[in-house]
All heavy atoms as atom14 arrays in JSON, in Angstrom:
{
  "sequence": "LAVISEHRPTTTFCVPTQLRRLLATGPLPSLSSFRLLAHAGEPCPA",
  "atom14_mask": [
    [1, 1, 1, 1, 1, 1, 1, 1, 0, 0, 0, 0, 0, 0],
    [1, 1, 1, 1, 1, 0, 0, 0, 0, 0, 0, 0, 0, 0],
    [1, 1, 1, 1, 1, 1, 1, 0, 0, 0, 0, 0, 0, 0],
    [1, 1, 1, 1, 1, 1, 1, 1, 0, 0, 0, 0, 0, 0],
    [1, 1, 1, 1, 1, 1, 0, 0, 0, 0, 0, 0, 0, 0],
    [1, 1, 1, 1, 1, 1, 1, 1, 1, 0, 0, 0, 0, 0],
    [1, 1, 1, 1, 1, 1, 1, 1, 1, 1, 0, 0, 0, 0],
    [1, 1, 1, 1, 1, 1, 1, 1, 1, 1, 1, 0, 0, 0],
    [1, 1, 1, 1, 1, 1, 1, 0, 0, 0, 0, 0, 0, 0],
    [1, 1, 1, 1, 1, 1, 1, 0, 0, 0, 0, 0, 0, 0],
    [1, 1, 1, 1, 1, 1, 1, 0, 0, 0, 0, 0, 0, 0],
    [1, 1, 1, 1, 1, 1, 1, 0, 0, 0, 0, 0, 0, 0],
    [1, 1, 1, 1, 1, 1, 1, 1, 1, 1, 1, 0, 0, 0],
    [1, 1, 1, 1, 1, 1, 0, 0, 0, 0, 0, 0, 0, 0],
    [1, 1, 1, 1, 1, 1, 1, 0, 0, 0, 0, 0, 0, 0],
    [1, 1, 1, 1, 1, 1, 1, 0, 0, 0, 0, 0, 0, 0],
    [1, 1, 1, 1, 1, 1, 1, 0, 0, 0, 0, 0, 0, 0],
    [1, 1, 1, 1, 1, 1, 1, 1, 1, 0, 0, 0, 0, 0],
    [1, 1, 1, 1, 1, 1, 1, 1, 0, 0, 0, 0, 0, 0],
    [1, 1, 1, 1, 1, 1, 1, 1, 1, 1, 1, 0, 0, 0],
    [1, 1, 1, 1, 1, 1, 1, 1, 1, 1, 1, 0, 0, 0],
    [1, 1, 1, 1, 1, 1, 1, 1, 0, 0, 0, 0, 0, 0],
    [1, 1, 1, 1, 1, 1, 1, 1, 0, 0, 0, 0, 0, 0],
    [1, 1, 1, 1, 1, 0, 0, 0, 0, 0, 0, 0, 0, 0],
    [1, 1, 1, 1, 1, 1, 1, 0, 0, 0, 0, 0, 0, 0],
    [1, 1, 1, 1, 0, 0, 0, 0, 0, 0, 0, 0, 0, 0],
    [1, 1, 1, 1, 1, 1, 1, 0, 0, 0, 0, 0, 0, 0],
    [1, 1, 1, 1, 1, 1, 1, 1, 0, 0, 0, 0, 0, 0],
    [1, 1, 1, 1, 1, 1, 1, 0, 0, 0, 0, 0, 0, 0],
    [1, 1, 1, 1, 1, 1, 0, 0, 0, 0, 0, 0, 0, 0],
    [1, 1, 1, 1, 1, 1, 1, 1, 0, 0, 0, 0, 0, 0],
    [1, 1, 1, 1, 1, 1, 0, 0, 0, 0, 0, 0, 0, 0],
    [1, 1, 1, 1, 1, 1, 0, 0, 0, 0, 0, 0, 0, 0],
    [1, 1, 1, 1, 1, 1, 1, 1, 1, 1, 1, 0, 0, 0],
    [1, 1, 1, 1, 1, 1, 1, 1, 1, 1, 1, 0, 0, 0],
    [1, 1, 1, 1, 1, 1, 1, 1, 0, 0, 0, 0, 0, 0],
    [1, 1, 1, 1, 1, 1, 1, 1, 0, 0, 0, 0, 0, 0],
    [1, 1, 1, 1, 1, 0, 0, 0, 0, 0, 0, 0, 0, 0],
    [1, 1, 1, 1, 1, 1, 1, 1, 1, 1, 0, 0, 0, 0],
    [1, 1, 1, 1, 1, 0, 0, 0, 0, 0, 0, 0, 0, 0],
    [1, 1, 1, 1, 0, 0, 0, 0, 0, 0, 0, 0, 0, 0],
    [1, 1, 1, 1, 1, 1, 1, 1, 1, 0, 0, 0, 0, 0],
    [1, 1, 1, 1, 1, 1, 1, 0, 0, 0, 0, 0, 0, 0],
    [1, 1, 1, 1, 1, 1, 0, 0, 0, 0, 0, 0, 0, 0],
    [1, 1, 1, 1, 1, 1, 1, 0, 0, 0, 0, 0, 0, 0],
    [1, 1, 1, 1, 1, 0, 0, 0, 0, 0, 0, 0, 0, 0]
  ],
  "atom14_positions": [
    [[8.79, -52.35, -14.43], [7.53, -51.72, -14.04], [7.47, -51.48, -12.53], [6.93, -50.46, -12.07], [6.35, -52.58, -14.49], [6.16, -52.71, -16.0], [5.0, -53.65, -16.32], [5.93, -51.35, -16.66], [0.0, 0.0, 0.0], [0.0, 0.0, 0.0], [0.0, 0.0, 0.0], [0.0, 0.0, 0.0], [0.0, 0.0, 0.0], [0.0, 0.0, 0.0]],
    [[8.06, -52.38, -11.76], [8.1, -52.19, -10.31], [8.96, -51.0, -9.94], [8.61, -50.22, -9.04], [8.62, -53.46, -9.64], [0.0, 0.0, 0.0], [0.0, 0.0, 0.0], [0.0, 0.0, 0.0], [0.0, 0.0, 0.0], [0.0, 0.0, 0.0], [0.0, 0.0, 0.0], [0.0, 0.0, 0.0], [0.0, 0.0, 0.0], [0.0, 0.0, 0.0]],
    [[10.1, -50.84, -10.62], [10.97, -49.7, -10.35], [10.25, -48.4, -10.71], [10.34, -47.4, -9.98], [12.29, -49.83, -11.13], [13.14, -48.58, -10.96], [13.06, -51.05, -10.65], [0.0, 0.0, 0.0], [0.0, 0.0, 0.0], [0.0, 0.0, 0.0], [0.0, 0.0, 0.0], [0.0, 0.0, 0.0], [0.0, 0.0, 0.0], [0.0, 0.0, 0.0]],
    [[9.54, -48.4, -11.82], [8.79, -47.2, -12.21], [7.76, -46.86, -11.15], [7.61, -45.7, -10.75], [8.11, -47.43, -13.58], [9.16, -47.51, -14.69], [7.1, -46.31, -13.87], [8.61, -47.96, -16.02], [0.0, 0.0, 0.0], [0.0, 0.0, 0.0], [0.0, 0.0, 0.0], [0.0, 0.0, 0.0], [0.0, 0.0, 0.0], [0.0, 0.0, 0.0]],
    [[7.07, -47.88, -10.64], [6.03, -47.65, -9.64], [6.62, -47.12, -8.33], [6.08, -46.2, -7.72], [5.26, -48.95, -9.38], [4.29, -48.78, -8.4], [0.0, 0.0, 0.0], [0.0, 0.0, 0.0], [0.0, 0.0, 0.0], [0.0, 0.0, 0.0], [0.0, 0.0, 0.0], [0.0, 0.0, 0.0], [0.0, 0.0, 0.0], [0.0, 0.0, 0.0]],
    [[7.76, -47.69, -7.91], [8.32, -47.36, -6.6], [9.2, -46.1, -6.63], [9.14, -45.27, -5.73], [9.14, -48.53, -6.08], [9.77, -48.29, -4.73], [10.55, -49.5, -4.22], [10.45, -50.58, -4.83], [11.25, -49.34, -3.2], [0.0, 0.0, 0.0], [0.0, 0.0, 0.0], [0.0, 0.0, 0.0], [0.0, 0.0, 0.0], [0.0, 0.0, 0.0]],
    [[10.03, -45.96, -7.68], [11.05, -44.91, -7.67], [10.7, -43.71, -8.53], [11.42, -42.7, -8.48], [12.4, -45.49, -8.11], [12.97, -46.47, -7.14], [13.68, -46.09, -6.02], [12.92, -47.83, -7.09], [14.07, -47.16, -5.35], [13.61, -48.23, -5.97], [0.0, 0.0, 0.0], [0.0, 0.0, 0.0], [0.0, 0.0, 0.0], [0.0, 0.0, 0.0]],
    [[9.65, -43.8, -9.32], [9.14, -42.66, -10.09], [10.24, -41.99, -10.91], [10.56, -40.8, -10.73], [8.48, -41.63, -9.16], [7.46, -42.21, -8.21], [6.21, -42.67, -8.94], [5.46, -41.53, -9.47], [4.63, -41.61, -10.5], [4.49, -42.75, -11.14], [3.98, -40.54, -10.9], [0.0, 0.0, 0.0], [0.0, 0.0, 0.0], [0.0, 0.0, 0.0]],
    [[10.86, -42.71, -11.84], [11.91, -42.11, -12.65], [11.37, -40.98, -13.53], [10.18, -40.96, -13.89], [12.42, -43.28, -13.51], [11.3, -44.26, -13.52], [10.61, -44.12, -12.21], [0.0, 0.0, 0.0], [0.0, 0.0, 0.0], [0.0, 0.0, 0.0], [0.0, 0.0, 0.0], [0.0, 0.0, 0.0], [0.0, 0.0, 0.0], [0.0, 0.0, 0.0]],
    [[12.26, -40.07, -13.89], [11.87, -38.96, -14.77], [12.31, -39.18, -16.21], [11.74, -38.6, -17.13], [12.48, -37.64, -14.27], [13.91, -37.76, -14.29], [12.01, -37.32, -12.86], [0.0, 0.0, 0.0], [0.0, 0.0, 0.0], [0.0, 0.0, 0.0], [0.0, 0.0, 0.0], [0.0, 0.0, 0.0], [0.0, 0.0, 0.0], [0.0, 0.0, 0.0]],
    [[13.35, -40.0, -16.41], [13.85, -40.23, -17.76], [14.23, -41.7, -17.91], [14.57, -42.39, -16.93], [15.09, -39.37, -18.07], [16.17, -39.78, -17.21], [14.8, -37.89, -17.88], [0.0, 0.0, 0.0], [0.0, 0.0, 0.0], [0.0, 0.0, 0.0], [0.0, 0.0, 0.0], [0.0, 0.0, 0.0], [0.0, 0.0, 0.0], [0.0, 0.0, 0.0]],
    [[14.21, -42.17, -19.15], [14.75, -43.49, -19.47], [15.06, -43.54, -20.95], [14.58, -42.72, -21.74], [13.79, -44.63, -19.08], [14.5, -45.88, -19.12], [12.59, -44.71, -20.03], [0.0, 0.0, 0.0], [0.0, 0.0, 0.0], [0.0, 0.0, 0.0], [0.0, 0.0, 0.0], [0.0, 0.0, 0.0], [0.0, 0.0, 0.0], [0.0, 0.0, 0.0]],
    [[15.89, -44.5, -21.32], [16.17, -44.8, -22.72], [15.8, -46.25, -22.98], [16.14, -47.13, -22.18], [17.66, -44.58, -23.05], [18.06, -45.21, -24.36], [17.82, -44.55, -25.55], [18.62, -46.47, -24.4], [18.15, -45.15, -26.77], [18.96, -47.08, -25.61], [18.72, -46.4, -26.79], [0.0, 0.0, 0.0], [0.0, 0.0, 0.0], [0.0, 0.0, 0.0]],
    [[15.12, -46.51, -24.1], [14.72, -47.87, -24.46], [14.98, -48.11, -25.94], [15.05, -47.16, -26.73], [13.21, -48.09, -24.24], [12.66, -48.14, -22.54], [0.0, 0.0, 0.0], [0.0, 0.0, 0.0], [0.0, 0.0, 0.0], [0.0, 0.0, 0.0], [0.0, 0.0, 0.0], [0.0, 0.0, 0.0], [0.0, 0.0, 0.0], [0.0, 0.0, 0.0]],
    [[15.06, -49.38, -26.3], [14.94, -49.76, -27.71], [13.52, -50.28, -27.9], [12.85, -50.7, -26.93], [15.98, -50.83, -28.1], [17.39, -50.27, -27.97], [15.82, -52.1, -27.28], [0.0, 0.0, 0.0], [0.0, 0.0, 0.0], [0.0, 0.0, 0.0], [0.0, 0.0, 0.0], [0.0, 0.0, 0.0], [0.0, 0.0, 0.0], [0.0, 0.0, 0.0]],
    [[12.99, -50.25, -29.13], [11.61, -50.66, -29.35], [11.27, -52.06, -28.85], [10.16, -52.3, -28.38], [11.46, -50.55, -30.87], [12.36, -49.41, -31.22], [13.57, -49.59, -30.33], [0.0, 0.0, 0.0], [0.0, 0.0, 0.0], [0.0, 0.0, 0.0], [0.0, 0.0, 0.0], [0.0, 0.0, 0.0], [0.0, 0.0, 0.0], [0.0, 0.0, 0.0]],
    [[12.23, -52.99, -28.91], [11.96, -54.34, -28.4], [11.59, -54.3, -26.92], [10.68, -55.0, -26.46], [13.2, -55.24, -28.6], [13.46, -55.35, -30.01], [12.98, -56.62, -28.02], [0.0, 0.0, 0.0], [0.0, 0.0, 0.0], [0.0, 0.0, 0.0], [0.0, 0.0, 0.0], [0.0, 0.0, 0.0], [0.0, 0.0, 0.0], [0.0, 0.0, 0.0]],
    [[12.29, -53.47, -26.14], [11.97, -53.35, -24.71], [10.59, -52.71, -24.52], [9.82, -53.13, -23.65], [13.04, -52.52, -24.02], [14.4, -53.2, -23.96], [15.48, -52.27, -23.49], [15.5, -51.09, -23.82], [16.41, -52.8, -22.7], [0.0, 0.0, 0.0], [0.0, 0.0, 0.0], [0.0, 0.0, 0.0], [0.0, 0.0, 0.0], [0.0, 0.0, 0.0]],
    [[10.28, -51.7, -25.32], [8.97, -51.06, -25.22], [7.85, -52.06, -25.52], [6.81, -52.08, -24.85], [8.89, -49.87, -26.17], [9.79, -48.7, -25.81], [9.84, -47.69, -26.96], [9.29, -48.02, -24.54], [0.0, 0.0, 0.0], [0.0, 0.0, 0.0], [0.0, 0.0, 0.0], [0.0, 0.0, 0.0], [0.0, 0.0, 0.0], [0.0, 0.0, 0.0]],
    [[8.07, -52.88, -26.53], [7.06, -53.89, -26.87], [6.84, -54.84, -25.69], [5.7, -55.19, -25.36], [7.52, -54.66, -28.11], [6.5, -55.68, -28.61], [7.02, -56.42, -29.83], [7.08, -55.57, -31.01], [8.19, -55.09, -31.54], [9.37, -55.37, -30.99], [8.16, -54.33, -32.6], [0.0, 0.0, 0.0], [0.0, 0.0, 0.0], [0.0, 0.0, 0.0]],
    [[7.91, -55.26, -25.04], [7.79, -56.19, -23.92], [7.15, -55.52, -22.7], [6.36, -56.15, -21.99], [9.17, -56.75, -23.55], [9.75, -57.67, -24.62], [11.11, -58.2, -24.2], [10.99, -59.04, -23.01], [12.03, -59.47, -22.29], [13.25, -59.09, -22.63], [11.85, -60.23, -21.24], [0.0, 0.0, 0.0], [0.0, 0.0, 0.0], [0.0, 0.0, 0.0]],
    [[7.47, -54.25, -22.47], [6.84, -53.54, -21.35], [5.33, -53.44, -21.54], [4.56, -53.7, -20.61], [7.44, -52.14, -21.23], [8.82, -52.0, -20.6], [9.31, -50.56, -20.71], [8.81, -52.43, -19.13], [0.0, 0.0, 0.0], [0.0, 0.0, 0.0], [0.0, 0.0, 0.0], [0.0, 0.0, 0.0], [0.0, 0.0, 0.0], [0.0, 0.0, 0.0]],
    [[4.92, -53.07, -22.74], [3.49, -52.9, -22.99], [2.74, -54.22, -23.0], [1.53, -54.24, -22.77], [3.29, -52.18, -24.32], [3.79, -50.73, -24.38], [3.56, -50.15, -25.77], [3.11, -49.86, -23.33], [0.0, 0.0, 0.0], [0.0, 0.0, 0.0], [0.0, 0.0, 0.0], [0.0, 0.0, 0.0], [0.0, 0.0, 0.0], [0.0, 0.0, 0.0]],
    [[3.45, -55.32, -23.26], [2.8, -56.63, -23.31], [2.75, -57.33, -21.95], [2.1, -58.36, -21.81], [3.53, -57.53, -24.31], [0.0, 0.0, 0.0], [0.0, 0.0, 0.0], [0.0, 0.0, 0.0], [0.0, 0.0, 0.0], [0.0, 0.0, 0.0], [0.0, 0.0, 0.0], [0.0, 0.0, 0.0], [0.0, 0.0, 0.0], [0.0, 0.0, 0.0]],
    [[3.42, -56.75, -20.95], [3.56, -57.44, -19.66], [2.26, -57.45, -18.86], [1.97, -58.41, -18.16], [4.69, -56.79, -18.84], [5.9, -56.94, -19.56], [4.83, -57.43, -17.48], [0.0, 0.0, 0.0], [0.0, 0.0, 0.0], [0.0, 0.0, 0.0], [0.0, 0.0, 0.0], [0.0, 0.0, 0.0], [0.0, 0.0, 0.0], [0.0, 0.0, 0.0]],
    [[1.48, -56.4, -18.97], [0.25, -56.33, -18.18], [-0.07, -54.9, -17.84], [0.41, -53.97, -18.5], [0.0, 0.0, 0.0], [0.0, 0.0, 0.0], [0.0, 0.0, 0.0], [0.0, 0.0, 0.0], [0.0, 0.0, 0.0], [0.0, 0.0, 0.0], [0.0, 0.0, 0.0], [0.0, 0.0, 0.0], [0.0, 0.0, 0.0], [0.0, 0.0, 0.0]],
    [[-0.84, -54.68, -16.8], [-1.21, -53.31, -16.42], [0.02, -52.46, -16.14], [0.98, -52.91, -15.51], [-2.05, -53.51, -15.15], [-2.5, -54.92, -15.19], [-1.43, -55.69, -15.89], [0.0, 0.0, 0.0], [0.0, 0.0, 0.0], [0.0, 0.0, 0.0], [0.0, 0.0, 0.0], [0.0, 0.0, 0.0], [0.0, 0.0, 0.0], [0.0, 0.0, 0.0]],
    [[-0.01, -51.24, -16.61], [1.1, -50.32, -16.39], [0.87, -49.5, -15.12], [-0.26, -49.11, -14.84], [1.25, -49.37, -17.58], [1.61, -49.99, -18.92], [1.57, -48.93, -20.01], [2.98, -50.64, -18.87], [0.0, 0.0, 0.0], [0.0, 0.0, 0.0], [0.0, 0.0, 0.0], [0.0, 0.0, 0.0], [0.0, 0.0, 0.0], [0.0, 0.0, 0.0]],
    [[1.92, -49.22, -14.37], [1.79, -48.28, -13.26], [1.63, -46.86, -13.81], [1.72, -46.64, -15.03], [3.12, -48.44, -12.51], [4.09, -48.83, -13.58], [3.31, -49.68, -14.55], [0.0, 0.0, 0.0], [0.0, 0.0, 0.0], [0.0, 0.0, 0.0], [0.0, 0.0, 0.0], [0.0, 0.0, 0.0], [0.0, 0.0, 0.0], [0.0, 0.0, 0.0]],
    [[1.43, -45.91, -12.96], [1.38, -44.52, -13.41], [2.71, -44.14, -14.04], [3.78, -44.42, -13.5], [1.09, -43.59, -12.23], [1.26, -42.25, -12.61], [0.0, 0.0, 0.0], [0.0, 0.0, 0.0], [0.0, 0.0, 0.0], [0.0, 0.0, 0.0], [0.0, 0.0, 0.0], [0.0, 0.0, 0.0], [0.0, 0.0, 0.0], [0.0, 0.0, 0.0]],
    [[2.65, -43.51, -15.2], [3.85, -43.07, -15.9], [4.01, -41.56, -15.83], [4.81, -40.97, -16.56], [3.78, -43.52, -17.36], [3.58, -45.03, -17.59], [3.38, -45.32, -19.06], [4.76, -45.83, -17.04], [0.0, 0.0, 0.0], [0.0, 0.0, 0.0], [0.0, 0.0, 0.0], [0.0, 0.0, 0.0], [0.0, 0.0, 0.0], [0.0, 0.0, 0.0]],
    [[3.28, -40.93, -14.94], [3.22, -39.46, -14.9], [4.52, -38.82, -14.44], [4.71, -37.62, -14.62], [2.07, -39.0, -14.0], [2.28, -39.44, -12.67], [0.0, 0.0, 0.0], [0.0, 0.0, 0.0], [0.0, 0.0, 0.0], [0.0, 0.0, 0.0], [0.0, 0.0, 0.0], [0.0, 0.0, 0.0], [0.0, 0.0, 0.0], [0.0, 0.0, 0.0]],
    [[5.43, -39.6, -13.84], [6.7, -39.01, -13.38], [7.64, -38.72, -14.54], [8.57, -37.92, -14.41], [7.39, -39.96, -12.4], [7.73, -41.19, -13.03], [0.0, 0.0, 0.0], [0.0, 0.0, 0.0], [0.0, 0.0, 0.0], [0.0, 0.0, 0.0], [0.0, 0.0, 0.0], [0.0, 0.0, 0.0], [0.0, 0.0, 0.0], [0.0, 0.0, 0.0]],
    [[7.42, -39.35, -15.69], [8.37, -39.21, -16.8], [8.25, -37.86, -17.49], [7.15, -37.41, -17.81], [8.14, -40.31, -17.84], [8.71, -41.65, -17.46], [7.91, -42.63, -16.9], [10.06, -41.91, -17.63], [8.42, -43.86, -16.55], [10.59, -43.15, -17.29], [9.77, -44.12, -16.73], [0.0, 0.0, 0.0], [0.0, 0.0, 0.0], [0.0, 0.0, 0.0]],
    [[9.39, -37.25, -17.73], [9.44, -36.08, -18.6], [10.08, -36.44, -19.94], [9.93, -35.72, -20.93], [10.22, -34.94, -17.96], [11.71, -35.19, -17.8], [12.49, -33.91, -17.51], [13.92, -34.15, -17.46], [14.72, -34.2, -18.53], [14.22, -34.07, -19.74], [16.01, -34.41, -18.39], [0.0, 0.0, 0.0], [0.0, 0.0, 0.0], [0.0, 0.0, 0.0]],
    [[10.81, -37.6, -19.99], [11.48, -38.02, -21.22], [11.56, -39.53, -21.3], [12.07, -40.18, -20.38], [12.9, -37.45, -21.28], [13.78, -37.95, -22.43], [13.25, -37.48, -23.78], [15.24, -37.51, -22.25], [0.0, 0.0, 0.0], [0.0, 0.0, 0.0], [0.0, 0.0, 0.0], [0.0, 0.0, 0.0], [0.0, 0.0, 0.0], [0.0, 0.0, 0.0]],
    [[11.05, -40.08, -22.39], [11.34, -41.45, -22.78], [11.96, -41.37, -24.17], [11.3, -40.99, -25.14], [10.09, -42.32, -22.83], [10.36, -43.78, -23.21], [9.43, -44.73, -22.47], [10.24, -44.02, -24.72], [0.0, 0.0, 0.0], [0.0, 0.0, 0.0], [0.0, 0.0, 0.0], [0.0, 0.0, 0.0], [0.0, 0.0, 0.0], [0.0, 0.0, 0.0]],
    [[13.26, -41.64, -24.25], [13.97, -41.59, -25.52], [14.11, -43.0, -26.06], [14.4, -43.94, -25.31], [15.35, -40.95, -25.34], [0.0, 0.0, 0.0], [0.0, 0.0, 0.0], [0.0, 0.0, 0.0], [0.0, 0.0, 0.0], [0.0, 0.0, 0.0], [0.0, 0.0, 0.0], [0.0, 0.0, 0.0], [0.0, 0.0, 0.0], [0.0, 0.0, 0.0]],
    [[13.89, -43.15, -27.36], [14.08, -44.48, -27.95], [14.88, -44.36, -29.24], [14.84, -43.35, -29.94], [12.75, -45.2, -28.17], [11.89, -44.65, -29.26], [12.0, -45.05, -30.58], [10.89, -43.73, -29.24], [11.11, -44.41, -31.3], [10.43, -43.6, -30.53], [0.0, 0.0, 0.0], [0.0, 0.0, 0.0], [0.0, 0.0, 0.0], [0.0, 0.0, 0.0]],
    [[15.64, -45.42, -29.53], [16.5, -45.48, -30.72], [17.0, -46.91, -30.83], [16.5, -47.81, -30.14], [17.66, -44.49, -30.61], [0.0, 0.0, 0.0], [0.0, 0.0, 0.0], [0.0, 0.0, 0.0], [0.0, 0.0, 0.0], [0.0, 0.0, 0.0], [0.0, 0.0, 0.0], [0.0, 0.0, 0.0], [0.0, 0.0, 0.0], [0.0, 0.0, 0.0]],
    [[17.98, -47.13, -31.69], [18.62, -48.44, -31.78], [18.1, -49.3, -32.91], [18.83, -50.14, -33.42], [0.0, 0.0, 0.0], [0.0, 0.0, 0.0], [0.0, 0.0, 0.0], [0.0, 0.0, 0.0], [0.0, 0.0, 0.0], [0.0, 0.0, 0.0], [0.0, 0.0, 0.0], [0.0, 0.0, 0.0], [0.0, 0.0, 0.0], [0.0, 0.0, 0.0]],
    [[16.85, -49.12, -33.29], [16.24, -49.86, -34.39], [14.96, -49.14, -34.76], [14.43, -48.35, -33.96], [15.94, -51.31, -33.98], [14.98, -51.42, -32.8], [14.64, -52.86, -32.46], [14.75, -53.74, -33.33], [14.24, -53.11, -31.31], [0.0, 0.0, 0.0], [0.0, 0.0, 0.0], [0.0, 0.0, 0.0], [0.0, 0.0, 0.0], [0.0, 0.0, 0.0]],
    [[14.45, -49.35, -35.98], [13.18, -48.7, -36.35], [12.05, -49.11, -35.43], [11.96, -50.27, -35.01], [12.94, -49.19, -37.78], [14.3, -49.59, -38.29], [15.03, -50.13, -37.09], [0.0, 0.0, 0.0], [0.0, 0.0, 0.0], [0.0, 0.0, 0.0], [0.0, 0.0, 0.0], [0.0, 0.0, 0.0], [0.0, 0.0, 0.0], [0.0, 0.0, 0.0]],
    [[11.2, -48.16, -35.09], [10.05, -48.42, -34.24], [8.81, -48.49, -35.13], [8.41, -47.47, -35.72], [9.88, -47.33, -33.19], [8.61, -47.69, -31.96], [0.0, 0.0, 0.0], [0.0, 0.0, 0.0], [0.0, 0.0, 0.0], [0.0, 0.0, 0.0], [0.0, 0.0, 0.0], [0.0, 0.0, 0.0], [0.0, 0.0, 0.0], [0.0, 0.0, 0.0]],
    [[8.16, -49.67, -35.26], [6.97, -49.77, -36.1], [5.9, -48.78, -35.66], [5.71, -48.54, -34.46], [6.51, -51.22, -35.89], [7.73, -51.95, -35.43], [8.52, -50.96, -34.64], [0.0, 0.0, 0.0], [0.0, 0.0, 0.0], [0.0, 0.0, 0.0], [0.0, 0.0, 0.0], [0.0, 0.0, 0.0], [0.0, 0.0, 0.0], [0.0, 0.0, 0.0]],
    [[5.2, -48.21, -36.62], [4.21, -47.18, -36.32], [3.16, -47.64, -35.31], [2.81, -46.88, -34.39], [3.54, -46.7, -37.6], [0.0, 0.0, 0.0], [0.0, 0.0, 0.0], [0.0, 0.0, 0.0], [0.0, 0.0, 0.0], [0.0, 0.0, 0.0], [0.0, 0.0, 0.0], [0.0, 0.0, 0.0], [0.0, 0.0, 0.0], [0.0, 0.0, 0.0]]
  ]
}
């Protein structure tokens, strides 16, 4: 989250486990720099 806040990435790849942990960590920084978040590796619960 600190890297997202400071470096404003445009793309990333995650597995759902990482997404779950990111969302559970606390307040999110602005995500407006992203044009692509790709996820795969395991089923993502709805």
